[in-house]
Protein backbone atom coordinates (compact mmCIF):
# COMPACT_ATOMS: atom_id res chain seq x y z
CA MET A 1 12.72 -41.85 -22.70
CA THR A 2 14.17 -38.47 -22.05
CA ALA A 3 12.39 -35.37 -21.01
CA THR A 4 12.58 -32.49 -23.47
CA ARG A 5 12.82 -28.96 -22.15
CA THR A 6 11.21 -26.22 -24.08
CA PRO A 7 13.39 -23.16 -24.17
CA THR A 8 11.71 -19.98 -23.01
CA THR A 9 12.60 -16.57 -24.22
CA THR A 10 13.69 -13.89 -21.86
CA ALA A 11 10.93 -11.53 -22.96
CA ALA A 12 8.25 -14.25 -22.26
CA THR A 13 9.65 -15.00 -18.89
CA THR A 14 9.86 -11.33 -18.09
CA ALA A 15 6.34 -10.64 -19.14
CA THR A 16 4.99 -13.58 -17.02
CA ALA A 17 7.00 -12.48 -14.01
CA GLY A 18 5.80 -8.85 -14.45
CA ALA A 19 2.24 -9.87 -14.63
CA ALA A 20 2.54 -12.07 -11.61
CA ASN A 21 4.05 -9.22 -9.65
CA GLY A 22 1.24 -6.80 -10.63
CA ALA A 23 3.28 -4.87 -13.12
CA ASP A 24 0.58 -5.31 -15.80
CA PRO A 25 -0.64 -1.79 -16.46
CA ARG A 26 -4.23 -3.07 -16.89
CA MET A 27 -3.96 -4.78 -13.43
CA THR A 28 -2.54 -1.55 -11.90
CA THR A 29 -5.34 0.59 -13.29
CA ARG A 30 -8.09 -1.90 -12.18
CA ARG A 31 -6.46 -2.08 -8.70
CA LYS A 32 -6.35 1.74 -8.40
CA VAL A 33 -9.93 2.02 -9.36
CA LEU A 34 -10.97 -0.63 -6.91
CA TRP A 35 -8.94 1.03 -4.15
CA GLY A 36 -10.70 4.31 -4.86
CA LEU A 37 -14.03 2.51 -4.65
CA GLN A 38 -12.99 0.63 -1.51
CA ILE A 39 -11.98 3.77 0.33
CA PHE A 40 -15.18 5.59 -0.70
CA LEU A 41 -17.37 2.65 0.29
CA ALA A 42 -15.57 2.06 3.45
CA ALA A 43 -16.15 5.71 4.48
CA PHE A 44 -19.75 5.43 3.43
CA LEU A 45 -20.30 2.22 5.43
CA PHE A 46 -18.57 3.56 8.52
CA PHE A 47 -19.77 7.18 8.63
CA ALA A 48 -23.11 7.13 6.84
CA SER A 49 -24.38 3.72 7.79
CA ALA A 50 -22.78 2.18 10.91
CA LEU A 51 -22.39 5.44 13.03
CA PRO A 52 -26.09 6.42 12.62
CA LYS A 53 -27.08 2.93 13.79
CA PHE A 54 -24.85 3.19 16.80
CA ALA A 55 -26.00 6.75 17.63
CA GLY A 56 -29.64 5.72 17.40
CA GLN A 57 -30.59 8.07 14.63
CA ALA A 58 -34.37 8.31 14.30
CA ASP A 59 -34.60 6.89 10.81
CA ALA A 60 -32.28 3.96 11.73
CA VAL A 61 -34.46 3.20 14.75
CA GLU A 62 -37.72 3.40 12.73
CA SER A 63 -36.28 1.20 9.94
CA PHE A 64 -35.32 -1.57 12.47
CA ASP A 65 -38.70 -1.23 14.15
CA LEU A 66 -40.39 -1.98 10.80
CA ILE A 67 -38.07 -4.89 10.25
CA GLY A 68 -39.39 -6.27 13.53
CA TRP A 69 -36.28 -7.93 14.94
CA GLY A 70 -35.65 -5.39 17.71
CA GLN A 71 -33.01 -2.76 18.19
CA TRP A 72 -30.32 -5.32 19.08
CA PHE A 73 -30.26 -6.16 15.33
CA ARG A 74 -29.49 -2.54 14.60
CA TYR A 75 -26.27 -2.82 16.71
CA VAL A 76 -25.32 -6.03 15.13
CA THR A 77 -25.82 -4.67 11.64
CA GLY A 78 -23.82 -1.57 12.58
CA THR A 79 -21.08 -3.70 13.98
CA VAL A 80 -20.78 -5.78 10.81
CA GLU A 81 -20.79 -2.64 8.73
CA ALA A 82 -18.08 -1.10 10.78
CA ALA A 83 -15.94 -4.11 10.85
CA GLY A 84 -16.37 -4.56 7.13
CA ALA A 85 -15.51 -0.96 6.45
CA ILE A 86 -12.29 -1.21 8.37
CA ALA A 87 -11.32 -4.60 6.77
CA LEU A 88 -12.09 -3.16 3.38
CA VAL A 89 -9.13 -0.78 3.60
CA VAL A 90 -6.64 -3.44 4.91
CA PRO A 91 -5.10 -5.05 1.76
CA ARG A 92 -4.84 -8.54 3.25
CA LEU A 93 -8.39 -8.53 4.57
CA ALA A 94 -10.14 -6.58 1.68
CA GLY A 95 -11.18 -9.68 -0.31
CA LEU A 96 -12.65 -11.39 2.82
CA ALA A 97 -14.40 -8.17 3.73
CA GLY A 98 -15.87 -8.09 0.20
CA ILE A 99 -17.22 -11.59 0.61
CA ALA A 100 -18.81 -10.78 3.98
CA LEU A 101 -20.24 -7.59 2.73
CA ILE A 102 -21.83 -9.34 -0.12
CA GLY A 103 -23.69 -11.33 2.34
CA LEU A 104 -24.79 -8.27 4.24
CA MET A 105 -25.86 -6.49 1.03
CA ALA A 106 -27.85 -9.64 0.07
CA GLY A 107 -29.65 -9.43 3.38
CA ALA A 108 -30.24 -5.65 2.93
CA ALA A 109 -31.58 -6.07 -0.57
CA LEU A 110 -34.06 -8.87 0.59
CA THR A 111 -35.14 -6.70 3.55
CA GLN A 112 -35.77 -3.87 1.22
CA ILE A 113 -37.77 -6.03 -1.14
CA LEU A 114 -39.74 -7.94 1.51
CA VAL A 115 -40.21 -5.36 4.32
CA LEU A 116 -39.20 -1.79 3.57
CA GLU A 117 -39.12 -0.18 0.11
CA PRO A 118 -38.50 -2.48 -2.86
CA ALA A 119 -37.01 0.23 -5.21
CA TRP A 120 -34.21 0.83 -2.63
CA ALA A 121 -32.98 -2.80 -3.14
CA LEU A 122 -31.01 -1.71 -6.08
CA MET A 123 -28.48 0.21 -3.93
CA PRO A 124 -27.35 -2.85 -1.88
CA ALA A 125 -27.37 -4.91 -5.09
CA ALA A 126 -25.04 -2.43 -6.71
CA LEU A 127 -22.78 -2.32 -3.72
CA ALA A 128 -22.63 -6.08 -3.67
CA ALA A 129 -21.41 -6.05 -7.26
CA VAL A 130 -18.60 -3.82 -6.25
CA PHE A 131 -17.72 -5.90 -3.32
CA ALA A 132 -17.65 -9.03 -5.62
CA ALA A 133 -15.14 -7.25 -7.83
CA VAL A 134 -13.04 -6.44 -4.77
CA ALA A 135 -13.20 -10.05 -3.56
CA LEU A 136 -12.28 -11.33 -7.00
CA ASP A 137 -9.40 -8.95 -7.25
CA ARG A 138 -8.14 -9.79 -3.79
CA ARG A 139 -8.59 -13.58 -4.00
CA ALA A 140 -4.80 -14.31 -3.73
CA GLU A 141 -4.56 -12.33 -0.49
CA SER A 142 -7.72 -14.05 0.81
CA ARG A 143 -6.21 -17.46 0.11
CA GLN A 144 -3.03 -16.50 1.97
CA VAL A 145 -5.06 -15.33 5.08
CA LEU A 146 -7.19 -18.43 5.01
CA HIS A 147 -4.09 -20.72 4.59
CA ALA A 148 -2.42 -19.02 7.51
CA LEU A 149 -5.54 -19.29 9.64
CA ARG A 150 -5.86 -22.99 8.78
CA GLY A 151 -2.29 -23.54 9.77
CA ALA A 152 -2.78 -21.58 13.11
CA LEU A 153 -5.85 -23.75 13.87
CA ARG A 154 -4.04 -26.98 13.34
CA ARG A 155 -1.41 -26.08 15.99
């Protein structure tokens, strides 16, 4: 029994290699749109959400009083937001940041529904959808980071 080899055309090989290298125009457009959203959301998370929590802005303090977990939770939330914002603009970390921020937004949506103002739960839900798109788009980079981390932990 002999193995048969299917000949491939140069055009098919080039198209496959181009798509794998990100040369597909649709992928490039999607990546550009996501980068724009990532930069905007990173700036929003850092400057409009995390910094007011660190600075003790009155409405942030009041919101965390209503939640009832104490002001330490405001600092934890601000730290997660700031770290997520920074990681969101680092290409190798953007996918993992997206996954972590989905969790943060799920908690924010639940808090809005159960404790604060239910109508405002739509905002973190919408942000979670964008973070899911980022995580999906950056899954190859996330796998590489996790594989490298797993290798480092085995040493």
